[in-house]
């Protein structure tokens, strides 16, 4: 399955960082992958996510990384919701999540 085309800049779909309120949160841009992960049916294994979205890229100020590389070695891991996938990605990038409660809210609810 392909990801939906991004509209505008990749950070447009990324509300993971807001310099005014969460300075310590990592600046990771998930782009169209964020919406795809929120709309995906859970529970899901990392292997299933790699198969479907493995080529998707994530941007940080320092580098670009593919989802398959970030979840490599965790194929048997099962995720119950999108925020758990986000945590695994941040872990793989070497970031600690500064505000897990806010992140879980943001990653599990889609605007209507």
PDB file of N, CA and C in Angstrom:
ATOM      1  N   UNK A   1       0.842  -1.181   0.000  1.00  0.00           N
ATOM      2  CA  UNK A   1       0.000   0.000   0.000  1.00  0.00           C
ATOM      3  C   UNK A   1       0.877   1.229   0.000  1.00  0.00           C
ATOM      4  N   UNK A   2       0.513   2.222  -0.755  1.00  0.00           N
ATOM      5  CA  UNK A   2       1.287   3.450  -0.789  1.00  0.00           C
ATOM      6  C   UNK A   2       0.699   4.455   0.182  1.00  0.00           C
ATOM      7  N   UNK A   3       1.521   5.349   0.617  1.00  0.00           N
ATOM      8  CA  UNK A   3       1.085   6.379   1.538  1.00  0.00           C
ATOM      9  C   UNK A   3       0.410   7.495   0.763  1.00  0.00           C
ATOM     10  N   UNK A   4      -0.507   8.220   1.415  1.00  0.00           N
ATOM     11  CA  UNK A   4      -1.143   9.345   0.732  1.00  0.00           C
ATOM     12  C   UNK A   4      -0.115  10.421   0.435  1.00  0.00           C
ATOM     13  N   UNK A   5      -0.342  11.141  -0.653  1.00  0.00           N
ATOM     14  CA  UNK A   5       0.582  12.213  -1.033  1.00  0.00           C
ATOM     15  C   UNK A   5       0.574  13.281   0.045  1.00  0.00           C
ATOM     16  N   UNK A   6       1.736  13.809   0.343  1.00  0.00           N
ATOM     17  CA  UNK A   6       1.852  14.851   1.346  1.00  0.00           C
ATOM     18  C   UNK A   6       1.418  16.169   0.736  1.00  0.00           C
ATOM     19  N   UNK A   7       0.657  16.921   1.493  1.00  0.00           N
ATOM     20  CA  UNK A   7       0.219  18.232   1.015  1.00  0.00           C
ATOM     21  C   UNK A   7       1.075  19.294   1.678  1.00  0.00           C
ATOM     22  N   UNK A   8       1.877  19.974   0.903  1.00  0.00           N
ATOM     23  CA  UNK A   8       2.751  21.004   1.454  1.00  0.00           C
ATOM     24  C   UNK A   8       3.999  20.393   2.044  1.00  0.00           C
ATOM     25  N   UNK A   9       4.558  21.064   3.032  1.00  0.00           N
ATOM     26  CA  UNK A   9       5.785  20.565   3.644  1.00  0.00           C
ATOM     27  C   UNK A   9       5.495  19.364   4.522  1.00  0.00           C
ATOM     28  N   UNK A  10       6.502  18.529   4.717  1.00  0.00           N
ATOM     29  CA  UNK A  10       6.322  17.328   5.522  1.00  0.00           C
ATOM     30  C   UNK A  10       5.947  17.669   6.950  1.00  0.00           C
ATOM     31  N   UNK A  11       6.385  18.800   7.457  1.00  0.00           N
ATOM     32  CA  UNK A  11       6.069  19.131   8.839  1.00  0.00           C
ATOM     33  C   UNK A  11       4.617  19.544   9.002  1.00  0.00           C
ATOM     34  N   UNK A  12       3.898  19.776   7.911  1.00  0.00           N
ATOM     35  CA  UNK A  12       2.501  20.152   7.988  1.00  0.00           C
ATOM     36  C   UNK A  12       1.646  19.088   8.649  1.00  0.00           C
ATOM     37  N   UNK A  13       2.001  17.820   8.513  1.00  0.00           N
ATOM     38  CA  UNK A  13       1.241  16.747   9.143  1.00  0.00           C
ATOM     39  C   UNK A  13       1.894  16.288  10.437  1.00  0.00           C
ATOM     40  N   UNK A  14       2.873  17.037  10.887  1.00  0.00           N
ATOM     41  CA  UNK A  14       3.603  16.624  12.075  1.00  0.00           C
ATOM     42  C   UNK A  14       3.413  17.647  13.181  1.00  0.00           C
ATOM     43  N   UNK A  15       2.629  17.277  14.163  1.00  0.00           N
ATOM     44  CA  UNK A  15       2.437  18.154  15.310  1.00  0.00           C
ATOM     45  C   UNK A  15       3.226  17.612  16.496  1.00  0.00           C
ATOM     46  N   UNK A  16       4.312  16.929  16.221  1.00  0.00           N
ATOM     47  CA  UNK A  16       5.108  16.321  17.284  1.00  0.00           C
ATOM     48  C   UNK A  16       5.931  17.316  18.060  1.00  0.00           C
ATOM     49  N   UNK A  17       6.138  18.451  17.490  1.00  0.00           N
ATOM     50  CA  UNK A  17       6.922  19.427  18.214  1.00  0.00           C
ATOM     51  C   UNK A  17       6.313  20.800  18.062  1.00  0.00           C
ATOM     52  N   UNK A  18       6.291  21.522  19.163  1.00  0.00           N
ATOM     53  CA  UNK A  18       5.816  22.885  19.170  1.00  0.00           C
ATOM     54  C   UNK A  18       6.808  23.633  20.041  1.00  0.00           C
ATOM     55  N   UNK A  19       7.632  24.448  19.427  1.00  0.00           N
ATOM     56  CA  UNK A  19       8.743  25.058  20.153  1.00  0.00           C
ATOM     57  C   UNK A  19       8.289  25.886  21.340  1.00  0.00           C
ATOM     58  N   UNK A  20       7.051  26.367  21.336  1.00  0.00           N
ATOM     59  CA  UNK A  20       6.579  27.162  22.450  1.00  0.00           C
ATOM     60  C   UNK A  20       6.194  26.357  23.663  1.00  0.00           C
ATOM     61  N   UNK A  21       5.758  25.112  23.471  1.00  0.00           N
ATOM     62  CA  UNK A  21       5.253  24.370  24.611  1.00  0.00           C
ATOM     63  C   UNK A  21       6.066  23.142  24.975  1.00  0.00           C
ATOM     64  N   UNK A  22       6.782  22.552  24.029  1.00  0.00           N
ATOM     65  CA  UNK A  22       7.497  21.301  24.336  1.00  0.00           C
ATOM     66  C   UNK A  22       8.903  21.341  23.752  1.00  0.00           C
ATOM     67  N   UNK A  23       9.746  22.207  24.298  1.00  0.00           N
ATOM     68  CA  UNK A  23      11.101  22.355  23.775  1.00  0.00           C
ATOM     69  C   UNK A  23      11.902  21.066  23.794  1.00  0.00           C
ATOM     70  N   UNK A  24      11.691  20.190  24.774  1.00  0.00           N
ATOM     71  CA  UNK A  24      12.518  18.999  24.894  1.00  0.00           C
ATOM     72  C   UNK A  24      12.043  17.842  24.009  1.00  0.00           C
ATOM     73  N   UNK A  25      10.895  17.978  23.351  1.00  0.00           N
ATOM     74  CA  UNK A  25      10.408  16.918  22.469  1.00  0.00           C
ATOM     75  C   UNK A  25      11.266  16.888  21.206  1.00  0.00           C
ATOM     76  N   UNK A  26      11.564  15.705  20.704  1.00  0.00           N
ATOM     77  CA  UNK A  26      12.393  15.612  19.511  1.00  0.00           C
ATOM     78  C   UNK A  26      11.667  16.129  18.277  1.00  0.00           C
ATOM     79  N   UNK A  27      12.411  16.714  17.371  1.00  0.00           N
ATOM     80  CA  UNK A  27      11.854  17.210  16.120  1.00  0.00           C
ATOM     81  C   UNK A  27      11.949  16.098  15.082  1.00  0.00           C
ATOM     82  N   UNK A  28      10.960  15.216  15.084  1.00  0.00           N
ATOM     83  CA  UNK A  28      10.902  14.112  14.129  1.00  0.00           C
ATOM     84  C   UNK A  28       9.678  14.328  13.271  1.00  0.00           C
ATOM     85  N   UNK A  29       9.884  14.397  11.969  1.00  0.00           N
ATOM     86  CA  UNK A  29       8.781  14.602  11.045  1.00  0.00           C
ATOM     87  C   UNK A  29       8.384  13.273  10.429  1.00  0.00           C
ATOM     88  N   UNK A  30       7.174  12.825  10.738  1.00  0.00           N
ATOM     89  CA  UNK A  30       6.668  11.564  10.213  1.00  0.00           C
ATOM     90  C   UNK A  30       6.001  11.740   8.861  1.00  0.00           C
ATOM     91  N   UNK A  31       5.645  12.963   8.504  1.00  0.00           N
ATOM     92  CA  UNK A  31       5.011  13.223   7.217  1.00  0.00           C
ATOM     93  C   UNK A  31       3.733  12.411   7.058  1.00  0.00           C
ATOM     94  N   UNK A  32       3.459  11.902   5.849  1.00  0.00           N
ATOM     95  CA  UNK A  32       2.227  11.149   5.602  1.00  0.00           C
ATOM     96  C   UNK A  32       2.168   9.827   6.373  1.00  0.00           C
ATOM     97  N   UNK A  33       3.298   9.367   6.883  1.00  0.00           N
ATOM     98  CA  UNK A  33       3.315   8.129   7.659  1.00  0.00           C
ATOM     99  C   UNK A  33       2.500   8.279   8.942  1.00  0.00           C
ATOM    100  N   UNK A  34       2.484   9.466   9.519  1.00  0.00           N
ATOM    101  CA  UNK A  34       1.744   9.684  10.757  1.00  0.00           C
ATOM    102  C   UNK A  34       0.273   9.335  10.574  1.00  0.00           C
ATOM    103  N   UNK A  35      -0.336   9.863   9.551  1.00  0.00           N
ATOM    104  CA  UNK A  35      -1.757   9.597   9.302  1.00  0.00           C
ATOM    105  C   UNK A  35      -1.979   8.115   8.986  1.00  0.00           C
ATOM    106  N   UNK A  36      -1.086   7.534   8.185  1.00  0.00           N
ATOM    107  CA  UNK A  36      -1.220   6.115   7.830  1.00  0.00           C
ATOM    108  C   UNK A  36      -1.168   5.246   9.080  1.00  0.00           C
ATOM    109  N   UNK A  37      -0.277   5.561  10.007  1.00  0.00           N
ATOM    110  CA  UNK A  37      -0.173   4.784  11.242  1.00  0.00           C
ATOM    111  C   UNK A  37      -1.406   4.965  12.119  1.00  0.00           C
ATOM    112  N   UNK A  38      -1.951   6.170  12.160  1.00  0.00           N
ATOM    113  CA  UNK A  38      -3.144   6.413  12.971  1.00  0.00           C
ATOM    114  C   UNK A  38      -4.364   5.716  12.379  1.00  0.00           C
ATOM    115  N   UNK A  39      -4.418   5.563  11.074  1.00  0.00           N
ATOM    116  CA  UNK A  39      -5.571   4.928  10.426  1.00  0.00           C
ATOM    117  C   UNK A  39      -5.436   3.408  10.334  1.00  0.00           C
ATOM    118  N   UNK A  40      -4.250   2.889  10.592  1.00  0.00           N
ATOM    119  CA  UNK A  40      -4.011   1.449  10.485  1.00  0.00           C
ATOM    120  C   UNK A  40      -4.804   0.691  11.551  1.00  0.00           C
ATOM    121  N   UNK A  41      -5.147  -0.550  11.265  1.00  0.00           N
ATOM    122  CA  UNK A  41      -5.880  -1.389  12.221  1.00  0.00           C
ATOM    123  C   UNK A  41      -4.883  -2.027  13.200  1.00  0.00           C
ATOM    124  N   UNK A  42      -5.191  -1.933  14.493  1.00  0.00           N
ATOM    125  CA  UNK A  42      -4.344  -2.480  15.557  1.00  0.00           C
ATOM    126  C   UNK A  42      -5.088  -3.566  16.292  1.00  0.00           C
ATOM    127  N   UNK A  43      -4.376  -4.509  16.920  1.00  0.00           N
ATOM    128  CA  UNK A  43      -2.920  -4.628  17.054  1.00  0.00           C
ATOM    129  C   UNK A  43      -2.270  -5.039  15.734  1.00  0.00           C
ATOM    130  N   UNK A  44      -0.968  -4.720  15.634  1.00  0.00           N
ATOM    131  CA  UNK A  44      -0.189  -5.009  14.442  1.00  0.00           C
ATOM    132  C   UNK A  44       1.243  -5.300  14.860  1.00  0.00           C
ATOM    133  N   UNK A  45       1.910  -6.168  14.128  1.00  0.00           N
ATOM    134  CA  UNK A  45       3.316  -6.445  14.440  1.00  0.00           C
ATOM    135  C   UNK A  45       4.206  -5.486  13.658  1.00  0.00           C
ATOM    136  N   UNK A  46       5.414  -5.343  14.135  1.00  0.00           N
ATOM    137  CA  UNK A  46       6.394  -4.524  13.430  1.00  0.00           C
ATOM    138  C   UNK A  46       6.637  -5.087  12.033  1.00  0.00           C
ATOM    139  N   UNK A  47       6.634  -6.415  11.903  1.00  0.00           N
ATOM    140  CA  UNK A  47       6.842  -7.039  10.591  1.00  0.00           C
ATOM    141  C   UNK A  47       5.761  -6.608   9.605  1.00  0.00           C
ATOM    142  N   UNK A  48       4.518  -6.528  10.070  1.00  0.00           N
ATOM    143  CA  UNK A  48       3.421  -6.093   9.198  1.00  0.00           C
ATOM    144  C   UNK A  48       3.585  -4.629   8.801  1.00  0.00           C
ATOM    145  N   UNK A  49       4.018  -3.790   9.739  1.00  0.00           N
ATOM    146  CA  UNK A  49       4.241  -2.380   9.418  1.00  0.00           C
ATOM    147  C   UNK A  49       5.398  -2.219   8.439  1.00  0.00           C
ATOM    148  N   UNK A  50       6.440  -3.011   8.630  1.00  0.00           N
ATOM    149  CA  UNK A  50       7.588  -2.963   7.713  1.00  0.00           C
ATOM    150  C   UNK A  50       7.152  -3.360   6.317  1.00  0.00           C
ATOM    151  N   UNK A  51       6.335  -4.405   6.230  1.00  0.00           N
ATOM    152  CA  UNK A  51       5.866  -4.866   4.921  1.00  0.00           C
ATOM    153  C   UNK A  51       5.043  -3.787   4.217  1.00  0.00           C
ATOM    154  N   UNK A  52       4.191  -3.097   4.967  1.00  0.00           N
ATOM    155  CA  UNK A  52       3.297  -2.119   4.356  1.00  0.00           C
ATOM    156  C   UNK A  52       3.908  -0.734   4.201  1.00  0.00           C
ATOM    157  N   UNK A  53       4.682  -0.278   5.180  1.00  0.00           N
ATOM    158  CA  UNK A  53       5.185   1.102   5.175  1.00  0.00           C
ATOM    159  C   UNK A  53       6.707   1.196   5.285  1.00  0.00           C
ATOM    160  N   UNK A  54       7.423   0.117   5.114  1.00  0.00           N
ATOM    161  CA  UNK A  54       8.858   0.075   5.346  1.00  0.00           C
ATOM    162  C   UNK A  54       9.677   1.115   4.597  1.00  0.00           C
ATOM    163  N   UNK A  55       9.243   1.491   3.410  1.00  0.00           N
ATOM    164  CA  UNK A  55      10.002   2.455   2.614  1.00  0.00           C
ATOM    165  C   UNK A  55       9.722   3.906   2.997  1.00  0.00           C
ATOM    166  N   UNK A  56       8.748   4.125   3.886  1.00  0.00           N
ATOM    167  CA  UNK A  56       8.426   5.486   4.317  1.00  0.00           C
ATOM    168  C   UNK A  56       9.607   6.090   5.067  1.00  0.00           C
ATOM    169  N   UNK A  57       9.845   7.370   4.835  1.00  0.00           N
ATOM    170  CA  UNK A  57      10.967   8.034   5.491  1.00  0.00           C
ATOM    171  C   UNK A  57      10.488   8.992   6.575  1.00  0.00           C
ATOM    172  N   UNK A  58      11.339   9.145   7.574  1.00  0.00           N
ATOM    173  CA  UNK A  58      11.111  10.083   8.663  1.00  0.00           C
ATOM    174  C   UNK A  58      12.287  11.041   8.671  1.00  0.00           C
ATOM    175  N   UNK A  59      12.017  12.285   8.990  1.00  0.00           N
ATOM    176  CA  UNK A  59      13.054  13.316   8.976  1.00  0.00           C
ATOM    177  C   UNK A  59      13.353  13.801  10.389  1.00  0.00           C
ATOM    178  N   UNK A  60      14.635  13.974  10.679  1.00  0.00           N
ATOM    179  CA  UNK A  60      15.074  14.633  11.906  1.00  0.00           C
ATOM    180  C   UNK A  60      15.998  15.755  11.457  1.00  0.00           C
ATOM    181  N   UNK A  61      16.337  16.672  12.343  1.00  0.00           N
ATOM    182  CA  UNK A  61      17.270  17.716  11.935  1.00  0.00           C
ATOM    183  C   UNK A  61      18.614  17.155  11.458  1.00  0.00           C
ATOM    184  N   UNK A  62      18.991  15.982  11.965  1.00  0.00           N
ATOM    185  CA  UNK A  62      20.304  15.422  11.644  1.00  0.00           C
ATOM    186  C   UNK A  62      20.301  14.422  10.491  1.00  0.00           C
ATOM    187  N   UNK A  63      19.156  13.751  10.244  1.00  0.00           N
ATOM    188  CA  UNK A  63      19.169  12.706   9.220  1.00  0.00           C
ATOM    189  C   UNK A  63      17.770  12.333   8.752  1.00  0.00           C
ATOM    190  N   UNK A  64      17.749  11.508   7.713  1.00  0.00           N
ATOM    191  CA  UNK A  64      16.522  10.893   7.211  1.00  0.00           C
ATOM    192  C   UNK A  64      16.665   9.398   7.433  1.00  0.00           C
ATOM    193  N   UNK A  65      15.601   8.764   7.916  1.00  0.00           N
ATOM    194  CA  UNK A  65      15.649   7.326   8.180  1.00  0.00           C
ATOM    195  C   UNK A  65      14.390   6.665   7.636  1.00  0.00           C
ATOM    196  N   UNK A  66      14.541   5.421   7.201  1.00  0.00           N
ATOM    197  CA  UNK A  66      13.392   4.644   6.719  1.00  0.00           C
ATOM    198  C   UNK A  66      12.780   3.856   7.876  1.00  0.00           C
ATOM    199  N   UNK A  67      11.473   3.674   7.819  1.00  0.00           N
ATOM    200  CA  UNK A  67      10.782   2.945   8.880  1.00  0.00           C
ATOM    201  C   UNK A  67      11.306   1.523   9.017  1.00  0.00           C
ATOM    202  N   UNK A  68      11.581   0.853   7.895  1.00  0.00           N
ATOM    203  CA  UNK A  68      12.062  -0.532   7.993  1.00  0.00           C
ATOM    204  C   UNK A  68      13.375  -0.625   8.755  1.00  0.00           C
ATOM    205  N   UNK A  69      14.260   0.327   8.571  1.00  0.00           N
ATOM    206  CA  UNK A  69      15.524   0.331   9.299  1.00  0.00           C
ATOM    207  C   UNK A  69      15.345   0.613  10.782  1.00  0.00           C
ATOM    208  N   UNK A  70      14.356   1.449  11.110  1.00  0.00           N
ATOM    209  CA  UNK A  70      14.116   1.801  12.511  1.00  0.00           C
ATOM    210  C   UNK A  70      13.449   0.664  13.287  1.00  0.00           C
ATOM    211  N   UNK A  71      12.657  -0.148  12.601  1.00  0.00           N
ATOM    212  CA  UNK A  71      11.980  -1.260  13.271  1.00  0.00           C
ATOM    213  C   UNK A  71      12.706  -2.587  13.084  1.00  0.00           C
ATOM    214  N   UNK A  72      13.838  -2.557  12.393  1.00  0.00           N
ATOM    215  CA  UNK A  72      14.616  -3.772  12.161  1.00  0.00           C
ATOM    216  C   UNK A  72      14.993  -4.426  13.492  1.00  0.00           C
ATOM    217  N   UNK A  73      14.831  -5.734  13.555  1.00  0.00           N
ATOM    218  CA  UNK A  73      15.136  -6.470  14.769  1.00  0.00           C
ATOM    219  C   UNK A  73      13.977  -6.532  15.758  1.00  0.00           C
ATOM    220  N   UNK A  74      12.883  -5.850  15.446  1.00  0.00           N
ATOM    221  CA  UNK A  74      11.703  -5.844  16.319  1.00  0.00           C
ATOM    222  C   UNK A  74      10.493  -6.463  15.622  1.00  0.00           C
ATOM    223  N   UNK A  75      10.744  -7.269  14.602  1.00  0.00           N
ATOM    224  CA  UNK A  75       9.658  -7.800  13.771  1.00  0.00           C
ATOM    225  C   UNK A  75       8.564  -8.502  14.570  1.00  0.00           C
ATOM    226  N   UNK A  76       8.918  -9.132  15.686  1.00  0.00           N
ATOM    227  CA  UNK A  76       7.937  -9.855  16.492  1.00  0.00           C
ATOM    228  C   UNK A  76       7.177  -8.949  17.466  1.00  0.00           C
ATOM    229  N   UNK A  77       7.622  -7.712  17.617  1.00  0.00           N
ATOM    230  CA  UNK A  77       6.965  -6.775  18.531  1.00  0.00           C
ATOM    231  C   UNK A  77       5.558  -6.485  18.041  1.00  0.00           C
ATOM    232  N   UNK A  78       4.607  -6.498  18.974  1.00  0.00           N
ATOM    233  CA  UNK A  78       3.226  -6.173  18.623  1.00  0.00           C
ATOM    234  C   UNK A  78       2.867  -4.826  19.231  1.00  0.00           C
ATOM    235  N   UNK A  79       2.274  -3.974  18.410  1.00  0.00           N
ATOM    236  CA  UNK A  79       1.863  -2.649  18.848  1.00  0.00           C
ATOM    237  C   UNK A  79       0.349  -2.622  19.007  1.00  0.00           C
ATOM    238  N   UNK A  80      -0.122  -2.047  20.103  1.00  0.00           N
ATOM    239  CA  UNK A  80      -1.564  -1.956  20.364  1.00  0.00           C
ATOM    240  C   UNK A  80      -2.187  -0.692  19.803  1.00  0.00           C
ATOM    241  N   UNK A  81      -1.360   0.351  19.604  1.00  0.00           N
ATOM    242  CA  UNK A  81      -1.877   1.607  19.064  1.00  0.00           C
ATOM    243  C   UNK A  81      -0.744   2.413  18.434  1.00  0.00           C
ATOM    244  N   UNK A  82      -1.092   3.469  17.702  1.00  0.00           N
ATOM    245  CA  UNK A  82      -0.071   4.253  16.999  1.00  0.00           C
ATOM    246  C   UNK A  82       0.981   4.883  17.908  1.00  0.00           C
ATOM    247  N   UNK A  83       0.595   5.235  19.137  1.00  0.00           N
ATOM    248  CA  UNK A  83       1.573   5.867  20.024  1.00  0.00           C
ATOM    249  C   UNK A  83       2.697   4.901  20.394  1.00  0.00           C
ATOM    250  N   UNK A  84       2.413   3.598  20.433  1.00  0.00           N
ATOM    251  CA  UNK A  84       3.468   2.615  20.699  1.00  0.00           C
ATOM    252  C   UNK A  84       4.446   2.530  19.535  1.00  0.00           C
ATOM    253  N   UNK A  85       3.954   2.673  18.321  1.00  0.00           N
ATOM    254  CA  UNK A  85       4.837   2.699  17.147  1.00  0.00           C
ATOM    255  C   UNK A  85       5.719   3.936  17.226  1.00  0.00           C
ATOM    256  N   UNK A  86       5.122   5.066  17.564  1.00  0.00           N
ATOM    257  CA  UNK A  86       5.870   6.316  17.700  1.00  0.00           C
ATOM    258  C   UNK A  86       6.987   6.156  18.720  1.00  0.00           C
ATOM    259  N   UNK A  87       6.676   5.545  19.865  1.00  0.00           N
ATOM    260  CA  UNK A  87       7.682   5.330  20.907  1.00  0.00           C
ATOM    261  C   UNK A  87       8.838   4.464  20.394  1.00  0.00           C
ATOM    262  N   UNK A  88       8.520   3.413  19.652  1.00  0.00           N
ATOM    263  CA  UNK A  88       9.560   2.524  19.110  1.00  0.00           C
ATOM    264  C   UNK A  88      10.446   3.274  18.120  1.00  0.00           C
ATOM    265  N   UNK A  89       9.839   4.135  17.309  1.00  0.00           N
ATOM    266  CA  UNK A  89      10.606   4.925  16.338  1.00  0.00           C
ATOM    267  C   UNK A  89      11.519   5.907  17.073  1.00  0.00           C
ATOM    268  N   UNK A  90      10.977   6.614  18.061  1.00  0.00           N
ATOM    269  CA  UNK A  90      11.798   7.565  18.819  1.00  0.00           C
ATOM    270  C   UNK A  90      12.932   6.856  19.537  1.00  0.00           C
ATOM    271  N   UNK A  91      12.642   5.675  20.080  1.00  0.00           N
ATOM    272  CA  UNK A  91      13.682   4.861  20.722  1.00  0.00           C
ATOM    273  C   UNK A  91      14.798   4.533  19.739  1.00  0.00           C
ATOM    274  N   UNK A  92      14.406   4.077  18.558  1.00  0.00           N
ATOM    275  CA  UNK A  92      15.389   3.695  17.541  1.00  0.00           C
ATOM    276  C   UNK A  92      16.224   4.882  17.093  1.00  0.00           C
ATOM    277  N   UNK A  93      15.649   6.081  17.145  1.00  0.00           N
ATOM    278  CA  UNK A  93      16.382   7.292  16.771  1.00  0.00           C
ATOM    279  C   UNK A  93      17.214   7.834  17.930  1.00  0.00           C
ATOM    280  N   UNK A  94      17.060   7.236  19.114  1.00  0.00           N
ATOM    281  CA  UNK A  94      17.833   7.667  20.274  1.00  0.00           C
ATOM    282  C   UNK A  94      17.224   8.835  21.011  1.00  0.00           C
ATOM    283  N   UNK A  95      15.913   9.038  20.857  1.00  0.00           N
ATOM    284  CA  UNK A  95      15.214  10.125  21.550  1.00  0.00           C
ATOM    285  C   UNK A  95      14.356   9.544  22.651  1.00  0.00           C
ATOM    286  N   UNK A  96      14.293  10.260  23.762  1.00  0.00           N
ATOM    287  CA  UNK A  96      13.344   9.905  24.818  1.00  0.00           C
ATOM    288  C   UNK A  96      12.123  10.780  24.609  1.00  0.00           C
ATOM    289  N   UNK A  97      10.943  10.241  24.818  1.00  0.00           N
ATOM    290  CA  UNK A  97       9.737  11.034  24.643  1.00  0.00           C
ATOM    291  C   UNK A  97       9.561  11.947  25.846  1.00  0.00           C
ATOM    292  N   UNK A  98       9.453  13.225  25.594  1.00  0.00           N
ATOM    293  CA  UNK A  98       9.356  14.208  26.662  1.00  0.00           C
ATOM    294  C   UNK A  98       7.975  14.264  27.304  1.00  0.00           C
ATOM    295  N   UNK A  99       6.934  13.885  26.561  1.00  0.00           N
ATOM    296  CA  UNK A  99       5.581  13.995  27.108  1.00  0.00           C
ATOM    297  C   UNK A  99       4.695  12.865  26.591  1.00  0.00           C
ATOM    298  N   UNK A 100       4.817  11.672  27.160  1.00  0.00           N
ATOM    299  CA  UNK A 100       4.088  10.516  26.644  1.00  0.00           C
ATOM    300  C   UNK A 100       2.571  10.664  26.658  1.00  0.00           C
ATOM    301  N   UNK A 101       1.998  11.330  27.655  1.00  0.00           N
ATOM    302  CA  UNK A 101       0.543  11.463  27.696  1.00  0.00           C
ATOM    303  C   UNK A 101       0.035  12.309  26.551  1.00  0.00           C
ATOM    304  N   UNK A 102       0.642  13.450  26.302  1.00  0.00           N
ATOM    305  CA  UNK A 102       0.220  14.306  25.200  1.00  0.00           C
ATOM    306  C   UNK A 102       0.430  13.590  23.875  1.00  0.00           C
ATOM    307  N   UNK A 103       1.534  12.894  23.747  1.00  0.00           N
ATOM    308  CA  UNK A 103       1.811  12.190  22.497  1.00  0.00           C
ATOM    309  C   UNK A 103       0.783  11.104  22.231  1.00  0.00           C
ATOM    310  N   UNK A 104       0.386  10.364  23.256  1.00  0.00           N
ATOM    311  CA  UNK A 104      -0.595   9.296  23.075  1.00  0.00           C
ATOM    312  C   UNK A 104      -1.912   9.871  22.597  1.00  0.00           C
ATOM    313  N   UNK A 105      -2.346  10.973  23.197  1.00  0.00           N
ATOM    314  CA  UNK A 105      -3.578  11.633  22.766  1.00  0.00           C
ATOM    315  C   UNK A 105      -3.513  12.012  21.307  1.00  0.00           C
ATOM    316  N   UNK A 106      -2.448  12.675  20.946  1.00  0.00           N
ATOM    317  CA  UNK A 106      -2.280  13.178  19.588  1.00  0.00           C
ATOM    318  C   UNK A 106      -2.193  12.049  18.567  1.00  0.00           C
ATOM    319  N   UNK A 107      -1.604  10.950  18.949  1.00  0.00           N
ATOM    320  CA  UNK A 107      -1.379   9.860  18.003  1.00  0.00           C
ATOM    321  C   UNK A 107      -2.529   8.873  17.909  1.00  0.00           C
ATOM    322  N   UNK A 108      -3.493   8.937  18.792  1.00  0.00           N
ATOM    323  CA  UNK A 108      -4.577   7.966  18.711  1.00  0.00           C
ATOM    324  C   UNK A 108      -5.886   8.577  18.230  1.00  0.00           C
ATOM    325  N   UNK A 109      -5.999   9.877  18.228  1.00  0.00           N
ATOM    326  CA  UNK A 109      -7.239  10.510  17.762  1.00  0.00           C
ATOM    327  C   UNK A 109      -7.010  11.263  16.470  1.00  0.00           C
ATOM    328  N   UNK A 110      -7.843  10.971  15.501  1.00  0.00           N
ATOM    329  CA  UNK A 110      -7.805  11.703  14.237  1.00  0.00           C
ATOM    330  C   UNK A 110      -8.838  12.820  14.274  1.00  0.00           C
ATOM    331  N   UNK A 111      -8.491  13.987  13.738  1.00  0.00           N
ATOM    332  CA  UNK A 111      -9.491  15.060  13.685  1.00  0.00           C
ATOM    333  C   UNK A 111     -10.619  14.669  12.732  1.00  0.00           C
ATOM    334  N   UNK A 112     -11.805  15.056  13.039  1.00  0.00           N
ATOM    335  CA  UNK A 112     -12.969  14.729  12.200  1.00  0.00           C
ATOM    336  C   UNK A 112     -13.320  15.888  11.297  1.00  0.00           C
TER     337      UNK A 112
END
